[in-house]
């Protein structure tokens, strides 16, 4: 299985007049989303699911991909690592699952997969971390296949 964590791109600041779930991407965020979406288009396998947080900024990020997706509350603001792993069906899902979500949860998922412990690992806005599960000599392994920052595309 491939698990692709995609943090939403840069969004406008929230406040009393703007609820968190209504925050939209900035013009820089729109550019970040398009760059990463272009890279993902070239690399995503055909068999994939895309799960997107209900927040406006994550849906705008996913829209740059121009592929169908499902809005999933379980990957929204305040999701836990267990929520993300359950929604993606990690590591049993037979294909690739893209999660378009938020910090600190995505960084915590990455920390758990790579170190075995949940920690608050930073993840840049608009970045993608791509993990694969595999078996080697009857042992399950998790491989970090890519860590992409939109500034390097």
N, C-alpha and C. Protein backbone atom coordinates (compact mmCIF):
# COMPACT_ATOMS: atom_id res chain seq x y z
N UNK A 1 0.83 -1.18 0.00
CA UNK A 1 0.00 0.00 0.00
C UNK A 1 0.87 1.24 0.00
N UNK A 2 0.41 2.26 -0.69
CA UNK A 2 1.06 3.56 -0.64
C UNK A 2 0.16 4.52 0.13
N UNK A 3 0.74 5.24 1.06
CA UNK A 3 0.03 6.27 1.82
C UNK A 3 0.72 7.59 1.53
N UNK A 4 -0.02 8.50 0.94
CA UNK A 4 0.53 9.79 0.53
C UNK A 4 -0.13 10.88 1.37
N UNK A 5 0.68 11.53 2.19
CA UNK A 5 0.18 12.60 3.06
C UNK A 5 0.46 13.93 2.37
N UNK A 6 -0.57 14.72 2.13
CA UNK A 6 -0.42 16.00 1.45
C UNK A 6 -1.00 17.07 2.35
N UNK A 7 -0.12 17.90 2.88
CA UNK A 7 -0.60 19.01 3.72
C UNK A 7 -1.15 20.11 2.83
N UNK A 8 -2.26 20.71 3.25
CA UNK A 8 -2.82 21.81 2.45
C UNK A 8 -1.76 22.89 2.26
N UNK A 9 -1.89 23.61 1.17
CA UNK A 9 -0.95 24.68 0.85
C UNK A 9 -1.22 25.89 1.75
N UNK A 10 -0.39 26.93 1.58
CA UNK A 10 -0.49 28.13 2.42
C UNK A 10 -1.89 28.73 2.34
N UNK A 11 -2.45 29.05 3.50
CA UNK A 11 -3.81 29.61 3.57
C UNK A 11 -3.78 30.96 4.30
N UNK A 12 -4.84 31.72 4.08
CA UNK A 12 -4.96 33.00 4.76
C UNK A 12 -5.12 32.77 6.26
N UNK A 13 -4.79 33.82 7.02
CA UNK A 13 -4.91 33.74 8.47
C UNK A 13 -6.39 33.72 8.88
N UNK A 14 -6.68 32.99 9.92
CA UNK A 14 -8.04 32.95 10.45
C UNK A 14 -8.21 34.01 11.52
N UNK A 15 -9.36 34.04 12.11
CA UNK A 15 -9.63 35.01 13.17
C UNK A 15 -11.09 34.93 13.55
N UNK A 16 -11.52 35.89 14.34
CA UNK A 16 -12.92 35.89 14.78
C UNK A 16 -13.88 36.03 13.61
N UNK A 17 -13.49 36.81 12.60
CA UNK A 17 -14.37 37.04 11.45
C UNK A 17 -14.29 35.91 10.42
N UNK A 18 -13.28 35.05 10.56
CA UNK A 18 -13.09 33.97 9.58
C UNK A 18 -12.86 32.66 10.30
N UNK A 19 -13.88 31.82 10.36
CA UNK A 19 -13.71 30.51 11.02
C UNK A 19 -12.62 29.68 10.33
N UNK A 20 -11.95 28.86 11.11
CA UNK A 20 -10.83 28.05 10.60
C UNK A 20 -11.21 27.24 9.36
N UNK A 21 -12.37 26.61 9.37
CA UNK A 21 -12.74 25.73 8.25
C UNK A 21 -13.07 26.52 6.96
N UNK A 22 -13.18 27.84 7.05
CA UNK A 22 -13.48 28.68 5.88
C UNK A 22 -12.24 29.34 5.28
N UNK A 23 -11.08 29.17 5.92
CA UNK A 23 -9.85 29.79 5.41
C UNK A 23 -9.55 29.27 4.01
N UNK A 24 -9.18 30.21 3.13
CA UNK A 24 -8.88 29.86 1.74
C UNK A 24 -7.38 29.95 1.48
N UNK A 25 -6.93 29.37 0.37
CA UNK A 25 -5.52 29.45 0.01
C UNK A 25 -5.17 30.88 -0.39
N UNK A 26 -3.94 31.26 -0.10
CA UNK A 26 -3.41 32.51 -0.60
C UNK A 26 -3.01 32.30 -2.06
N UNK A 27 -2.61 33.36 -2.75
CA UNK A 27 -2.14 33.18 -4.14
C UNK A 27 -0.88 32.31 -4.15
N UNK A 28 -0.02 32.47 -3.13
CA UNK A 28 1.16 31.60 -3.03
C UNK A 28 0.73 30.16 -2.80
N UNK A 29 -0.29 29.96 -1.97
CA UNK A 29 -0.79 28.62 -1.71
C UNK A 29 -1.37 27.96 -2.96
N UNK A 30 -2.05 28.75 -3.77
CA UNK A 30 -2.58 28.20 -5.03
C UNK A 30 -1.45 27.74 -5.93
N UNK A 31 -0.36 28.52 -5.98
CA UNK A 31 0.81 28.12 -6.79
C UNK A 31 1.44 26.85 -6.23
N UNK A 32 1.56 26.79 -4.89
CA UNK A 32 2.12 25.58 -4.26
C UNK A 32 1.28 24.35 -4.61
N UNK A 33 -0.02 24.48 -4.50
CA UNK A 33 -0.91 23.35 -4.78
C UNK A 33 -0.78 22.89 -6.23
N UNK A 34 -0.70 23.83 -7.16
CA UNK A 34 -0.57 23.47 -8.58
C UNK A 34 0.75 22.75 -8.86
N UNK A 35 1.85 23.23 -8.25
CA UNK A 35 3.15 22.58 -8.46
C UNK A 35 3.12 21.13 -7.97
N UNK A 36 2.62 20.95 -6.78
CA UNK A 36 2.61 19.59 -6.20
C UNK A 36 1.61 18.72 -6.95
N UNK A 37 0.47 19.26 -7.34
CA UNK A 37 -0.52 18.50 -8.09
C UNK A 37 0.08 18.01 -9.41
N UNK A 38 0.85 18.87 -10.07
CA UNK A 38 1.49 18.47 -11.33
C UNK A 38 2.44 17.28 -11.09
N UNK A 39 3.22 17.36 -10.00
CA UNK A 39 4.14 16.26 -9.68
C UNK A 39 3.36 14.99 -9.35
N UNK A 40 2.30 15.13 -8.57
CA UNK A 40 1.50 13.95 -8.22
C UNK A 40 0.86 13.33 -9.47
N UNK A 41 0.38 14.15 -10.38
CA UNK A 41 -0.22 13.63 -11.62
C UNK A 41 0.75 12.73 -12.36
N UNK A 42 2.01 13.08 -12.33
CA UNK A 42 3.02 12.29 -13.04
C UNK A 42 3.39 11.01 -12.31
N UNK A 43 3.08 10.94 -11.01
CA UNK A 43 3.57 9.82 -10.21
C UNK A 43 2.51 8.96 -9.54
N UNK A 44 1.29 9.42 -9.42
CA UNK A 44 0.26 8.63 -8.75
C UNK A 44 -0.10 7.38 -9.56
N UNK A 45 -0.25 6.26 -8.87
CA UNK A 45 -0.72 5.06 -9.58
C UNK A 45 -2.20 5.22 -9.97
N UNK A 46 -2.62 4.43 -10.92
CA UNK A 46 -4.02 4.51 -11.39
C UNK A 46 -5.00 4.09 -10.29
N UNK A 47 -4.61 3.09 -9.50
CA UNK A 47 -5.49 2.61 -8.44
C UNK A 47 -5.21 3.43 -7.18
N UNK A 48 -6.09 4.38 -6.91
CA UNK A 48 -5.89 5.30 -5.79
C UNK A 48 -7.22 5.82 -5.30
N UNK A 49 -7.19 6.24 -4.04
CA UNK A 49 -8.31 6.96 -3.44
C UNK A 49 -7.76 8.26 -2.90
N UNK A 50 -8.56 9.30 -2.95
CA UNK A 50 -8.14 10.60 -2.43
C UNK A 50 -9.17 11.02 -1.40
N UNK A 51 -8.71 11.19 -0.16
CA UNK A 51 -9.58 11.60 0.95
C UNK A 51 -9.16 13.00 1.39
N UNK A 52 -10.14 13.89 1.48
CA UNK A 52 -9.84 15.30 1.72
C UNK A 52 -10.64 15.79 2.92
N UNK A 53 -9.97 16.56 3.76
CA UNK A 53 -10.62 17.20 4.90
C UNK A 53 -11.75 18.12 4.41
N UNK A 54 -12.79 18.30 5.21
CA UNK A 54 -13.88 19.20 4.80
C UNK A 54 -13.48 20.69 4.76
N UNK A 55 -12.32 21.06 5.29
CA UNK A 55 -11.92 22.47 5.32
C UNK A 55 -11.73 23.01 3.89
N UNK A 56 -12.09 24.28 3.72
CA UNK A 56 -12.01 24.92 2.40
C UNK A 56 -10.60 24.83 1.80
N UNK A 57 -9.57 25.10 2.59
CA UNK A 57 -8.19 25.14 2.08
C UNK A 57 -7.70 23.77 1.61
N UNK A 58 -8.16 22.70 2.23
CA UNK A 58 -7.74 21.37 1.79
C UNK A 58 -8.46 21.00 0.49
N UNK A 59 -9.71 21.39 0.36
CA UNK A 59 -10.43 21.10 -0.89
C UNK A 59 -9.84 21.92 -2.03
N UNK A 60 -9.45 23.16 -1.77
CA UNK A 60 -8.79 23.95 -2.82
C UNK A 60 -7.47 23.28 -3.23
N UNK A 61 -6.73 22.78 -2.25
CA UNK A 61 -5.47 22.09 -2.55
C UNK A 61 -5.75 20.86 -3.41
N UNK A 62 -6.74 20.07 -3.03
CA UNK A 62 -7.08 18.85 -3.79
C UNK A 62 -7.62 19.19 -5.18
N UNK A 63 -8.34 20.29 -5.31
CA UNK A 63 -8.88 20.68 -6.62
C UNK A 63 -7.78 20.89 -7.65
N UNK A 64 -6.61 21.31 -7.21
CA UNK A 64 -5.49 21.51 -8.14
C UNK A 64 -5.10 20.21 -8.83
N UNK A 65 -5.42 19.10 -8.21
CA UNK A 65 -5.09 17.78 -8.78
C UNK A 65 -6.01 17.40 -9.94
N UNK A 66 -7.20 17.99 -9.96
CA UNK A 66 -8.18 17.72 -11.03
C UNK A 66 -8.52 16.25 -11.15
N UNK A 67 -8.65 15.59 -10.00
CA UNK A 67 -9.08 14.19 -9.93
C UNK A 67 -10.23 14.10 -8.93
N UNK A 68 -11.12 13.12 -9.08
CA UNK A 68 -12.20 12.97 -8.10
C UNK A 68 -11.65 12.65 -6.71
N UNK A 69 -12.33 13.17 -5.71
CA UNK A 69 -11.95 12.87 -4.33
C UNK A 69 -13.19 12.81 -3.45
N UNK A 70 -12.99 12.26 -2.25
CA UNK A 70 -14.07 12.16 -1.27
C UNK A 70 -13.74 13.08 -0.10
N UNK A 71 -14.70 13.90 0.28
CA UNK A 71 -14.54 14.71 1.49
C UNK A 71 -14.81 13.79 2.68
N UNK A 72 -13.83 13.70 3.59
CA UNK A 72 -13.89 12.75 4.70
C UNK A 72 -13.65 13.49 6.02
N UNK A 73 -14.64 13.53 6.88
CA UNK A 73 -14.51 14.20 8.18
C UNK A 73 -13.39 13.59 9.02
N UNK A 74 -13.16 12.28 8.86
CA UNK A 74 -12.15 11.60 9.68
C UNK A 74 -10.72 12.12 9.43
N UNK A 75 -10.49 12.86 8.35
CA UNK A 75 -9.16 13.41 8.09
C UNK A 75 -9.16 14.93 8.26
N UNK A 76 -10.19 15.47 8.87
CA UNK A 76 -10.33 16.91 9.03
C UNK A 76 -9.53 17.48 10.19
N UNK A 77 -9.73 18.77 10.43
CA UNK A 77 -9.07 19.45 11.55
C UNK A 77 -9.38 18.69 12.84
N UNK A 78 -8.35 18.43 13.62
CA UNK A 78 -8.54 17.73 14.89
C UNK A 78 -8.49 16.22 14.77
N UNK A 79 -8.27 15.69 13.56
CA UNK A 79 -8.17 14.24 13.40
C UNK A 79 -6.98 13.72 14.20
N UNK A 80 -7.06 12.49 14.61
CA UNK A 80 -5.94 11.84 15.30
C UNK A 80 -5.18 10.96 14.31
N UNK A 81 -4.04 10.49 14.74
CA UNK A 81 -3.27 9.56 13.91
C UNK A 81 -4.11 8.31 13.63
N UNK A 82 -4.79 7.82 14.65
CA UNK A 82 -5.62 6.63 14.48
C UNK A 82 -6.74 6.90 13.46
N UNK A 83 -7.30 8.10 13.47
CA UNK A 83 -8.34 8.45 12.49
C UNK A 83 -7.79 8.37 11.06
N UNK A 84 -6.60 8.93 10.86
CA UNK A 84 -5.99 8.95 9.52
C UNK A 84 -5.68 7.53 9.05
N UNK A 85 -5.10 6.74 9.94
CA UNK A 85 -4.74 5.37 9.55
C UNK A 85 -5.98 4.52 9.29
N UNK A 86 -7.04 4.74 10.08
CA UNK A 86 -8.28 3.99 9.86
C UNK A 86 -8.96 4.42 8.55
N UNK A 87 -9.00 5.71 8.28
CA UNK A 87 -9.63 6.20 7.05
C UNK A 87 -8.90 5.69 5.81
N UNK A 88 -7.59 5.58 5.91
CA UNK A 88 -6.80 5.12 4.75
C UNK A 88 -6.73 3.60 4.66
N UNK A 89 -7.14 2.91 5.74
CA UNK A 89 -7.05 1.45 5.81
C UNK A 89 -5.59 0.98 5.75
N UNK A 90 -4.71 1.75 6.36
CA UNK A 90 -3.28 1.43 6.42
C UNK A 90 -3.03 0.21 7.28
N UNK A 91 -2.21 -0.73 6.87
CA UNK A 91 -1.49 -0.86 5.60
C UNK A 91 -2.15 -1.86 4.65
N UNK A 92 -3.43 -2.19 4.90
CA UNK A 92 -4.09 -3.25 4.14
C UNK A 92 -4.66 -2.82 2.79
N UNK A 93 -4.91 -1.55 2.59
CA UNK A 93 -5.56 -1.12 1.35
C UNK A 93 -4.72 -1.60 0.15
N UNK A 94 -5.35 -2.15 -0.88
CA UNK A 94 -4.58 -2.69 -2.00
C UNK A 94 -3.98 -1.64 -2.94
N UNK A 95 -4.34 -0.39 -2.78
CA UNK A 95 -3.84 0.63 -3.71
C UNK A 95 -3.15 1.76 -2.97
N UNK A 96 -3.21 2.92 -3.57
CA UNK A 96 -2.65 4.13 -2.96
C UNK A 96 -3.79 4.97 -2.38
N UNK A 97 -3.50 5.61 -1.27
CA UNK A 97 -4.46 6.52 -0.65
C UNK A 97 -3.76 7.85 -0.42
N UNK A 98 -4.36 8.91 -0.94
CA UNK A 98 -3.86 10.26 -0.72
C UNK A 98 -4.73 10.90 0.35
N UNK A 99 -4.09 11.42 1.39
CA UNK A 99 -4.80 12.15 2.44
C UNK A 99 -4.42 13.62 2.30
N UNK A 100 -5.40 14.49 2.09
CA UNK A 100 -5.14 15.93 2.04
C UNK A 100 -5.67 16.48 3.36
N UNK A 101 -4.72 16.84 4.23
CA UNK A 101 -5.12 17.18 5.59
C UNK A 101 -4.28 18.27 6.22
N UNK A 102 -4.12 18.14 7.54
CA UNK A 102 -3.62 19.24 8.36
C UNK A 102 -2.49 18.81 9.28
N UNK A 103 -1.75 19.81 9.72
CA UNK A 103 -0.82 19.66 10.82
C UNK A 103 -1.56 19.95 12.11
N UNK A 104 -1.17 19.39 13.22
CA UNK A 104 0.01 18.56 13.40
C UNK A 104 -0.21 17.08 13.09
N UNK A 105 -1.42 16.71 12.69
CA UNK A 105 -1.72 15.28 12.55
C UNK A 105 -0.86 14.59 11.49
N UNK A 106 -0.68 15.23 10.33
CA UNK A 106 0.09 14.55 9.28
C UNK A 106 1.54 14.30 9.72
N UNK A 107 2.14 15.26 10.40
CA UNK A 107 3.49 15.07 10.93
C UNK A 107 3.55 13.97 11.96
N UNK A 108 2.50 13.86 12.75
CA UNK A 108 2.44 12.77 13.75
C UNK A 108 2.34 11.41 13.07
N UNK A 109 1.57 11.34 11.99
CA UNK A 109 1.47 10.08 11.24
C UNK A 109 2.84 9.72 10.68
N UNK A 110 3.53 10.70 10.09
CA UNK A 110 4.86 10.45 9.53
C UNK A 110 5.82 9.96 10.61
N UNK A 111 5.78 10.61 11.77
CA UNK A 111 6.67 10.20 12.88
C UNK A 111 6.39 8.76 13.30
N UNK A 112 5.11 8.42 13.42
CA UNK A 112 4.76 7.06 13.83
C UNK A 112 5.24 6.04 12.81
N UNK A 113 5.03 6.33 11.53
CA UNK A 113 5.41 5.36 10.50
C UNK A 113 6.93 5.17 10.42
N UNK A 114 7.68 6.24 10.61
CA UNK A 114 9.13 6.13 10.45
C UNK A 114 9.89 5.81 11.73
N UNK A 115 9.37 6.26 12.86
CA UNK A 115 10.12 6.05 14.11
C UNK A 115 9.44 5.09 15.08
N UNK A 116 8.16 4.80 14.81
CA UNK A 116 7.42 3.93 15.71
C UNK A 116 6.78 4.66 16.86
N UNK A 117 6.96 6.00 16.92
CA UNK A 117 6.36 6.80 17.99
C UNK A 117 5.73 8.05 17.41
N UNK A 118 4.59 8.43 17.97
CA UNK A 118 3.94 9.68 17.58
C UNK A 118 4.73 10.85 18.14
N UNK A 119 5.13 11.76 17.28
CA UNK A 119 5.80 13.00 17.69
C UNK A 119 5.35 14.11 16.77
N UNK A 120 5.54 15.34 17.22
CA UNK A 120 5.13 16.49 16.41
C UNK A 120 6.24 16.85 15.42
N UNK A 121 6.27 16.15 14.31
CA UNK A 121 7.25 16.44 13.27
C UNK A 121 6.69 17.54 12.37
N UNK A 122 7.51 18.52 12.03
CA UNK A 122 7.03 19.58 11.14
C UNK A 122 6.86 19.08 9.71
N UNK A 123 5.89 19.64 9.04
CA UNK A 123 5.64 19.32 7.63
C UNK A 123 5.30 20.64 6.96
N UNK A 124 6.04 21.03 5.94
CA UNK A 124 5.83 22.31 5.27
C UNK A 124 4.45 22.37 4.61
N UNK A 125 3.94 23.58 4.52
CA UNK A 125 2.66 23.78 3.83
C UNK A 125 2.79 23.37 2.37
N UNK A 126 1.86 22.57 1.90
CA UNK A 126 1.87 22.11 0.52
C UNK A 126 2.75 20.89 0.27
N UNK A 127 3.44 20.40 1.30
CA UNK A 127 4.37 19.28 1.13
C UNK A 127 3.65 17.94 1.03
N UNK A 128 4.34 16.99 0.42
CA UNK A 128 3.86 15.61 0.29
C UNK A 128 4.91 14.68 0.88
N UNK A 129 4.45 13.74 1.70
CA UNK A 129 5.30 12.64 2.19
C UNK A 129 4.63 11.36 1.73
N UNK A 130 5.40 10.54 1.01
CA UNK A 130 4.86 9.33 0.37
C UNK A 130 5.49 8.10 1.02
N UNK A 131 4.67 7.26 1.62
CA UNK A 131 5.11 6.04 2.29
C UNK A 131 4.58 4.81 1.56
N UNK A 132 5.37 3.74 1.62
CA UNK A 132 4.92 2.44 1.10
C UNK A 132 5.14 1.38 2.15
N UNK A 133 4.21 0.46 2.20
CA UNK A 133 4.41 -0.71 3.06
C UNK A 133 4.79 -1.88 2.17
N UNK A 134 5.67 -2.74 2.66
CA UNK A 134 6.10 -3.89 1.88
C UNK A 134 6.58 -4.99 2.83
N UNK A 135 6.75 -6.18 2.28
CA UNK A 135 7.28 -7.31 3.05
C UNK A 135 8.66 -7.65 2.50
N UNK A 136 9.64 -7.79 3.40
CA UNK A 136 11.00 -8.22 3.04
C UNK A 136 11.40 -9.32 4.01
N UNK A 137 11.69 -10.50 3.44
CA UNK A 137 12.08 -11.65 4.25
C UNK A 137 11.08 -11.88 5.38
N UNK A 138 9.79 -11.86 5.02
CA UNK A 138 8.66 -12.10 5.92
C UNK A 138 8.51 -11.01 7.00
N UNK A 139 9.19 -9.91 6.86
CA UNK A 139 9.08 -8.81 7.82
C UNK A 139 8.41 -7.61 7.16
N UNK A 140 7.40 -7.03 7.83
CA UNK A 140 6.79 -5.82 7.27
C UNK A 140 7.75 -4.63 7.39
N UNK A 141 7.81 -3.83 6.33
CA UNK A 141 8.65 -2.64 6.33
C UNK A 141 7.85 -1.44 5.85
N UNK A 142 8.25 -0.27 6.30
CA UNK A 142 7.68 0.97 5.81
C UNK A 142 8.82 1.76 5.18
N UNK A 143 8.58 2.21 3.97
CA UNK A 143 9.60 2.92 3.20
C UNK A 143 9.11 4.33 2.90
N UNK A 144 9.96 5.31 3.14
CA UNK A 144 9.66 6.68 2.71
C UNK A 144 10.12 6.80 1.26
N UNK A 145 9.17 6.88 0.35
CA UNK A 145 9.51 6.92 -1.08
C UNK A 145 9.84 8.33 -1.55
N UNK A 146 9.17 9.33 -0.96
CA UNK A 146 9.43 10.71 -1.38
C UNK A 146 8.97 11.66 -0.30
N UNK A 147 9.68 12.77 -0.20
CA UNK A 147 9.26 13.91 0.63
C UNK A 147 9.46 15.13 -0.27
N UNK A 148 8.35 15.71 -0.70
CA UNK A 148 8.37 16.77 -1.71
C UNK A 148 7.90 18.08 -1.09
N UNK A 149 8.70 19.12 -1.28
CA UNK A 149 8.33 20.46 -0.83
C UNK A 149 8.04 21.29 -2.07
N UNK A 150 6.93 22.02 -2.12
CA UNK A 150 6.61 22.77 -3.34
C UNK A 150 7.69 23.77 -3.74
N UNK A 151 8.49 24.24 -2.81
CA UNK A 151 9.56 25.20 -3.15
C UNK A 151 10.64 24.58 -4.02
N UNK A 152 10.74 23.25 -4.05
CA UNK A 152 11.78 22.58 -4.83
C UNK A 152 11.27 22.05 -6.17
N UNK A 153 10.01 22.33 -6.48
CA UNK A 153 9.46 21.86 -7.77
C UNK A 153 9.47 22.98 -8.78
